[in-house]
């Protein structure tokens, strides 16, 4: 049982502790609605016949394109892809000033280097009778290897139609093509859902351990193509960076580019580093949300967002980190994740990290 104590404290057993996130098998999680992995190069591919859901999550892996001057874009529709000029968009590349335009026939969704994998996570609010609102982030590998930091983009858009969305697609809006094995995965969620067929499978849940106070380590997890990591950490002592390491690798096989508090993007220095920074730490509480494209035979692509409490109370605004990075050991897949205090200090009781995944 749970017992209320003085000062609004709660006492109970570990079995009664609230679950962080959504455990596998819980009702109403993100459900796979459709996916399309192309077998040959094409300028357009779609995921059709989607169930009507209030929200969509879109995982897109573009394996490369045959021209360095071409971006990829998102389109949507009802019954078929809408190619009319009724889309509006706003986007920023690598932290630069926003570009905005209206009355287009697509929504910008990716940056344009040729033959380099890109990974995007996007969302659509799919409310009947209203314009459909879209937002996404992406990480672009750039040249493979830790000597070349990845690039990033942030995108928002709208499809100015009252129809519900039941098809979503990727396009180059030209004769140029996206490479074979590019894939789009569409998940759906609705407040009325009662299913237990959740796409995201819980792979690990790690809490603070006083015997290893400077890390949260999953140990061995099942290899999955797509990984989702969330961590809430409270820290003590003088801090440096909070950072990921994968598969116990401590070599200079990581690089990143990030923006702190909206400032200009800064790359890892030197470019090849022995960890991937997620947040510039101090004695504070931080929340990290990260996605990983975990393809064997390629650099592993990571994008994360972090918010740091800063001084407690209402007088000081929180701080932020937007990061894209790479783990450049191409053989195999990530099968363990460590969140680590790279420069001293430690986590404190209550720190927790969870990892979900899916192929």
Protein backbone atom coordinates (compact mmCIF):
# COMPACT_ATOMS: atom_id res chain seq x y z
CA UNK A 1 0.00 0.00 0.00
CA UNK A 2 0.97 3.65 -0.39
CA UNK A 3 1.01 5.68 2.83
CA UNK A 4 0.91 9.47 3.03
CA UNK A 5 3.30 10.99 5.59
CA UNK A 6 3.77 14.49 6.98
CA UNK A 7 4.99 17.09 4.50
CA UNK A 8 3.17 15.42 1.57
CA UNK A 9 5.69 12.57 1.55
CA UNK A 10 4.75 9.12 0.28
CA UNK A 11 5.94 5.73 1.54
CA UNK A 12 5.39 2.53 -0.40
CA UNK A 13 7.07 -0.50 -1.93
CA UNK A 14 9.18 -0.43 -5.12
CA UNK A 15 6.38 -2.29 -6.89
CA UNK A 16 4.12 0.68 -6.21
CA UNK A 17 6.56 3.24 -7.65
CA UNK A 18 5.10 5.08 -10.67
CA UNK A 19 6.48 3.91 -14.01
CA UNK A 20 8.60 6.44 -15.96
CA UNK A 21 7.25 6.38 -19.51
CA UNK A 22 4.96 3.75 -21.00
CA UNK A 23 5.82 0.09 -20.35
CA UNK A 24 5.49 -2.48 -23.10
CA UNK A 25 1.94 -3.81 -23.22
CA UNK A 26 0.30 -0.71 -21.74
CA UNK A 27 -2.90 0.38 -23.44
CA UNK A 28 -2.91 3.23 -25.88
CA UNK A 29 0.75 3.74 -26.82
CA UNK A 30 2.24 4.65 -30.22
CA UNK A 31 0.97 2.02 -32.68
CA UNK A 32 2.54 1.09 -36.02
CA UNK A 33 0.13 2.19 -38.77
CA UNK A 34 2.33 1.59 -41.80
CA UNK A 35 5.85 1.61 -43.18
CA UNK A 36 7.50 1.66 -46.59
CA UNK A 37 11.13 0.72 -47.29
CA UNK A 38 11.97 1.26 -50.94
CA UNK A 39 13.82 -1.42 -52.91
CA UNK A 40 15.24 0.92 -55.55
CA UNK A 41 15.93 4.62 -56.00
CA UNK A 42 12.86 6.82 -56.44
CA UNK A 43 11.84 10.47 -56.25
CA UNK A 44 8.67 9.76 -54.23
CA UNK A 45 7.44 7.11 -51.82
CA UNK A 46 4.39 7.04 -49.53
CA UNK A 47 2.81 5.27 -46.58
CA UNK A 48 -0.90 5.00 -47.54
CA UNK A 49 -4.14 3.76 -45.94
CA UNK A 50 -3.41 5.10 -42.46
CA UNK A 51 -5.93 4.70 -39.67
CA UNK A 52 -7.36 8.03 -38.55
CA UNK A 53 -5.43 9.05 -35.41
CA UNK A 54 -5.24 12.37 -33.56
CA UNK A 55 -1.43 12.38 -33.74
CA UNK A 56 1.18 10.79 -35.99
CA UNK A 57 4.87 10.17 -35.27
CA UNK A 58 6.98 9.77 -38.43
CA UNK A 59 10.42 8.11 -38.46
CA UNK A 60 12.19 8.72 -41.77
CA UNK A 61 15.57 7.32 -42.81
CA UNK A 62 16.75 8.74 -46.15
CA UNK A 63 19.77 6.69 -47.22
CA UNK A 64 21.09 9.35 -49.60
CA UNK A 65 20.21 11.16 -52.83
CA UNK A 66 21.76 11.35 -56.27
CA UNK A 67 22.24 15.13 -56.24
CA UNK A 68 23.83 17.42 -53.66
CA UNK A 69 21.50 20.28 -54.66
CA UNK A 70 18.25 18.56 -53.71
CA UNK A 71 16.41 18.44 -50.38
CA UNK A 72 13.72 15.96 -49.42
CA UNK A 73 10.27 17.08 -48.35
CA UNK A 74 7.09 15.79 -46.70
CA UNK A 75 3.66 15.72 -48.30
CA UNK A 76 0.37 14.36 -47.01
CA UNK A 77 -3.20 13.94 -48.14
CA UNK A 78 -6.56 12.25 -47.88
CA UNK A 79 -6.99 9.34 -50.27
CA UNK A 80 -3.86 10.36 -52.19
CA UNK A 81 -0.86 12.65 -51.75
CA UNK A 82 -1.84 16.30 -52.18
CA UNK A 83 0.55 18.13 -54.52
CA UNK A 84 -1.31 21.46 -54.58
CA UNK A 85 0.38 24.65 -53.36
CA UNK A 86 -1.44 24.68 -50.02
CA UNK A 87 1.50 24.01 -47.69
CA UNK A 88 3.36 26.56 -45.57
CA UNK A 89 6.68 26.04 -43.81
CA UNK A 90 9.38 27.52 -41.61
CA UNK A 91 12.77 25.92 -41.00
CA UNK A 92 16.28 26.49 -39.68
CA UNK A 93 19.43 24.66 -40.79
CA UNK A 94 22.30 24.28 -38.34
CA UNK A 95 20.90 26.94 -36.03
CA UNK A 96 20.78 29.67 -38.70
CA UNK A 97 18.03 32.28 -39.01
CA UNK A 98 14.67 30.81 -39.98
CA UNK A 99 13.54 30.64 -43.60
CA UNK A 100 9.78 30.85 -44.12
CA UNK A 101 7.55 30.52 -47.16
CA UNK A 102 3.90 29.87 -47.94
CA UNK A 103 1.82 28.44 -50.79
CA UNK A 104 4.26 25.63 -51.52
CA UNK A 105 3.50 22.08 -52.65
CA UNK A 106 5.56 20.44 -49.88
CA UNK A 107 7.04 20.95 -46.39
CA UNK A 108 10.84 21.09 -46.16
CA UNK A 109 12.02 18.15 -44.04
CA UNK A 110 15.71 17.48 -44.70
CA UNK A 111 19.03 18.97 -45.71
CA UNK A 112 20.70 18.25 -49.01
CA UNK A 113 24.17 16.58 -49.07
CA UNK A 114 24.33 13.70 -51.54
CA UNK A 115 24.68 9.99 -50.72
CA UNK A 116 24.69 10.55 -46.97
CA UNK A 117 22.14 9.01 -44.58
CA UNK A 118 19.69 11.27 -42.80
CA UNK A 119 17.33 10.54 -39.93
CA UNK A 120 14.21 12.53 -39.11
CA UNK A 121 11.60 12.31 -36.36
CA UNK A 122 8.42 14.27 -37.07
CA UNK A 123 4.88 14.74 -35.76
CA UNK A 124 1.52 15.72 -37.26
CA UNK A 125 -1.51 16.98 -35.34
CA UNK A 126 -4.34 15.44 -37.38
CA UNK A 127 -7.52 17.22 -36.27
CA UNK A 128 -10.49 17.20 -38.63
CA UNK A 129 -11.71 20.63 -39.71
CA UNK A 130 -8.36 22.32 -39.05
CA UNK A 131 -5.08 22.80 -40.89
CA UNK A 132 -2.71 19.93 -40.17
CA UNK A 133 0.32 21.08 -38.17
CA UNK A 134 3.72 19.44 -38.68
CA UNK A 135 7.06 19.61 -36.89
CA UNK A 136 10.28 17.62 -37.19
CA UNK A 137 14.02 17.50 -36.54
CA UNK A 138 16.69 15.74 -38.54
CA UNK A 139 20.35 14.75 -38.35
CA UNK A 140 22.49 14.50 -41.49
CA UNK A 141 25.54 12.25 -41.32
CA UNK A 142 27.83 14.32 -43.56
CA UNK A 143 30.95 12.39 -44.61
CA UNK A 144 31.25 9.17 -42.61
CA UNK A 145 33.69 9.06 -39.71
CA UNK A 146 34.37 11.00 -36.53
CA UNK A 147 36.36 13.66 -38.36
CA UNK A 148 33.19 15.18 -39.85
CA UNK A 149 30.50 16.50 -37.49
CA UNK A 150 26.88 15.94 -38.56
CA UNK A 151 24.43 18.71 -39.43
CA UNK A 152 20.90 19.34 -38.23
CA UNK A 153 17.61 20.94 -39.19
CA UNK A 154 14.40 22.01 -37.44
CA UNK A 155 11.20 22.20 -39.47
CA UNK A 156 7.60 23.29 -38.96
CA UNK A 157 4.78 23.37 -41.45
CA UNK A 158 1.09 23.12 -42.15
CA UNK A 159 -1.13 21.48 -44.75
CA UNK A 160 -4.01 23.89 -45.22
CA UNK A 161 -6.78 21.33 -45.56
CA UNK A 162 -9.70 20.42 -43.30
CA UNK A 163 -9.47 16.77 -44.39
CA UNK A 164 -7.93 14.18 -42.06
CA UNK A 165 -4.58 12.75 -43.13
CA UNK A 166 -4.51 9.11 -44.26
CA UNK A 167 -1.38 9.10 -46.44
CA UNK A 168 2.08 10.59 -45.75
CA UNK A 169 5.02 10.61 -48.13
CA UNK A 170 8.57 11.74 -48.86
CA UNK A 171 9.56 13.45 -52.11
CA UNK A 172 12.43 15.29 -53.77
CA UNK A 173 9.83 17.24 -55.79
CA UNK A 174 12.07 16.71 -58.84
CA UNK A 175 13.57 14.07 -61.10
CA UNK A 176 16.32 13.41 -58.53
CA UNK A 177 16.01 10.29 -56.42
CA UNK A 178 16.33 9.00 -52.87
CA UNK A 179 18.48 5.90 -52.51
CA UNK A 180 17.32 2.30 -52.09
CA UNK A 181 16.58 1.21 -48.49
CA UNK A 182 15.23 4.65 -47.56
CA UNK A 183 12.30 4.11 -45.21
CA UNK A 184 9.34 5.90 -43.66
CA UNK A 185 7.59 4.52 -40.56
CA UNK A 186 4.29 6.06 -39.42
CA UNK A 187 2.97 5.58 -35.87
CA UNK A 188 -0.35 6.78 -34.54
CA UNK A 189 -1.83 7.70 -31.17
CA UNK A 190 -5.36 8.69 -30.20
CA UNK A 191 -6.88 9.48 -26.79
CA UNK A 192 -9.49 6.77 -27.35
CA UNK A 193 -6.95 3.99 -28.04
CA UNK A 194 -7.19 0.85 -25.91
CA UNK A 195 -4.84 -1.46 -27.87
CA UNK A 196 -1.75 -3.05 -26.33
CA UNK A 197 0.16 -3.33 -29.63
CA UNK A 198 2.78 -0.70 -28.82
CA UNK A 199 5.55 0.00 -31.35
CA UNK A 200 8.12 1.03 -28.73
CA UNK A 201 9.38 -1.96 -26.74
CA UNK A 202 11.04 -1.20 -23.42
CA UNK A 203 14.65 -2.44 -23.56
CA UNK A 204 16.13 -1.07 -20.34
CA UNK A 205 15.30 0.90 -17.21
CA UNK A 206 18.26 2.06 -15.11
CA UNK A 207 18.20 3.95 -11.82
CA UNK A 208 20.90 5.62 -9.74
CA UNK A 209 23.33 3.22 -8.11
CA UNK A 210 25.57 4.55 -5.34
CA UNK A 211 28.33 2.10 -6.35
CA UNK A 212 28.60 3.77 -9.81
CA UNK A 213 27.37 7.30 -9.05
CA UNK A 214 28.71 8.98 -12.19
CA UNK A 215 26.84 6.83 -14.72
CA UNK A 216 23.58 5.22 -15.75
CA UNK A 217 24.42 2.09 -17.78
CA UNK A 218 21.88 -0.16 -19.48
CA UNK A 219 24.15 -3.18 -19.74
CA UNK A 220 23.43 -5.32 -22.80
CA UNK A 221 20.18 -4.53 -24.62
CA UNK A 222 18.57 -6.11 -27.68
CA UNK A 223 19.79 -4.52 -30.92
CA UNK A 224 17.06 -2.48 -32.63
CA UNK A 225 17.08 -0.22 -35.70
CA UNK A 226 15.29 2.63 -33.94
CA UNK A 227 16.07 3.62 -30.33
CA UNK A 228 14.40 6.17 -28.06
CA UNK A 229 16.19 7.26 -24.88
CA UNK A 230 14.84 9.39 -22.04
CA UNK A 231 16.70 10.33 -18.87
CA UNK A 232 15.93 12.51 -15.89
CA UNK A 233 19.01 13.17 -13.82
CA UNK A 234 19.63 15.17 -10.66
CA UNK A 235 23.29 15.83 -9.98
CA UNK A 236 25.64 16.81 -7.18
CA UNK A 237 29.11 18.34 -7.12
CA UNK A 238 30.99 20.24 -9.81
CA UNK A 239 29.87 19.02 -13.24
CA UNK A 240 31.19 19.11 -16.78
CA UNK A 241 29.30 17.46 -19.64
CA UNK A 242 26.67 14.77 -19.49
CA UNK A 243 27.40 12.45 -22.37
CA UNK A 244 26.55 9.18 -24.11
CA UNK A 245 28.90 6.31 -24.67
CA UNK A 246 27.88 3.22 -26.60
CA UNK A 247 28.97 -0.43 -26.36
CA UNK A 248 31.56 0.50 -23.74
CA UNK A 249 33.59 2.29 -26.44
CA UNK A 250 35.98 4.94 -25.06
CA UNK A 251 37.86 5.66 -28.29
CA UNK A 252 37.65 8.83 -30.38
CA UNK A 253 34.65 7.49 -32.29
CA UNK A 254 32.13 10.22 -31.49
CA UNK A 255 31.44 13.72 -32.81
CA UNK A 256 28.61 16.19 -32.43
CA UNK A 257 27.25 19.62 -33.20
CA UNK A 258 25.01 21.43 -30.74
CA UNK A 259 23.40 24.71 -29.77
CA UNK A 260 23.22 25.89 -26.17
CA UNK A 261 20.37 28.24 -25.27
CA UNK A 262 19.74 29.06 -28.93
CA UNK A 263 23.30 30.22 -29.61
CA UNK A 264 25.14 29.45 -32.85
CA UNK A 265 25.95 25.77 -33.38
CA UNK A 266 29.29 24.56 -32.04
CA UNK A 267 30.98 21.32 -33.08
CA UNK A 268 32.96 18.97 -30.86
CA UNK A 269 36.56 20.14 -30.52
CA UNK A 270 38.60 18.24 -31.52
CA UNK A 271 35.99 16.86 -33.91
CA UNK A 272 36.70 13.22 -33.03
CA UNK A 273 35.99 12.80 -29.32
CA UNK A 274 35.66 9.98 -26.79
CA UNK A 275 32.03 10.69 -25.90
CA UNK A 276 28.91 12.38 -27.31
CA UNK A 277 27.77 15.39 -25.27
CA UNK A 278 24.06 15.75 -24.55
CA UNK A 279 24.08 18.57 -22.00
CA UNK A 280 26.52 21.01 -20.40
CA UNK A 281 26.03 20.07 -16.77
CA UNK A 282 26.24 21.67 -13.36
CA UNK A 283 24.71 20.96 -9.96
CA UNK A 284 21.21 20.75 -11.38
CA UNK A 285 18.27 18.70 -12.66
CA UNK A 286 18.24 17.80 -16.37
CA UNK A 287 15.83 16.01 -18.72
CA UNK A 288 17.20 14.44 -21.92
CA UNK A 289 15.15 13.08 -24.85
CA UNK A 290 17.06 11.35 -27.68
CA UNK A 291 16.44 9.25 -30.81
CA UNK A 292 19.02 7.01 -32.50
CA UNK A 293 19.14 5.47 -35.98
CA UNK A 294 21.03 2.25 -35.29
CA UNK A 295 21.90 0.77 -38.70
CA UNK A 296 24.64 -1.85 -38.90
CA UNK A 297 27.33 -0.97 -41.43
CA UNK A 298 26.83 2.79 -41.02
CA UNK A 299 27.62 5.62 -38.60
CA UNK A 300 24.94 5.63 -35.88
CA UNK A 301 22.96 8.89 -36.02
CA UNK A 302 21.79 10.56 -32.80
CA UNK A 303 19.70 13.64 -32.08
CA UNK A 304 18.83 14.79 -28.59
CA UNK A 305 17.12 17.66 -26.79
CA UNK A 306 17.90 18.55 -23.19
CA UNK A 307 16.48 21.02 -20.70
CA UNK A 308 18.38 22.02 -17.57
CA UNK A 309 16.52 23.43 -14.59
CA UNK A 310 19.15 26.07 -13.81
CA UNK A 311 18.46 27.80 -10.48
CA UNK A 312 15.31 26.45 -8.86
CA UNK A 313 12.26 28.70 -8.69
CA UNK A 314 10.60 31.19 -10.99
CA UNK A 315 13.31 33.84 -11.12
CA UNK A 316 15.64 32.09 -13.59
CA UNK A 317 14.73 30.61 -16.98
CA UNK A 318 15.79 27.03 -17.78
CA UNK A 319 18.64 26.27 -20.17
CA UNK A 320 18.58 24.12 -23.31
CA UNK A 321 20.77 21.95 -25.52
CA UNK A 322 19.93 20.82 -29.06
CA UNK A 323 22.43 18.20 -30.23
CA UNK A 324 23.07 15.97 -33.24
CA UNK A 325 25.87 13.44 -33.17
CA UNK A 326 27.43 10.29 -34.56
CA UNK A 327 28.90 7.09 -33.17
CA UNK A 328 31.21 6.06 -35.97
CA UNK A 329 31.90 2.38 -35.24
CA UNK A 330 30.04 1.01 -38.25
CA UNK A 331 30.27 -2.72 -37.55
CA UNK A 332 27.28 -4.13 -35.72
CA UNK A 333 24.71 -2.09 -33.78
CA UNK A 334 24.48 -0.28 -30.47
CA UNK A 335 23.72 -2.87 -27.77
CA UNK A 336 24.50 -0.86 -24.64
CA UNK A 337 24.07 2.80 -23.66
CA UNK A 338 25.76 4.70 -20.88
CA UNK A 339 24.87 8.22 -19.76
CA UNK A 340 27.98 9.50 -18.05
CA UNK A 341 29.24 12.49 -16.05
CA UNK A 342 32.33 13.29 -18.08
CA UNK A 343 34.07 15.81 -15.81
CA UNK A 344 33.49 14.97 -12.18
CA UNK A 345 30.52 15.13 -9.87
CA UNK A 346 27.87 12.45 -9.81
CA UNK A 347 24.22 11.71 -10.27
CA UNK A 348 21.98 11.56 -7.22
CA UNK A 349 19.20 9.37 -5.96
CA UNK A 350 16.22 9.64 -8.31
CA UNK A 351 18.24 9.69 -11.53
CA UNK A 352 16.73 7.33 -14.12
CA UNK A 353 17.21 6.40 -17.79
CA UNK A 354 14.86 4.38 -19.98
CA UNK A 355 15.45 2.97 -23.45
CA UNK A 356 12.85 1.78 -25.96
CA UNK A 357 13.41 0.29 -29.39
CA UNK A 358 11.93 -1.29 -32.49
CA UNK A 359 13.12 -2.83 -35.74
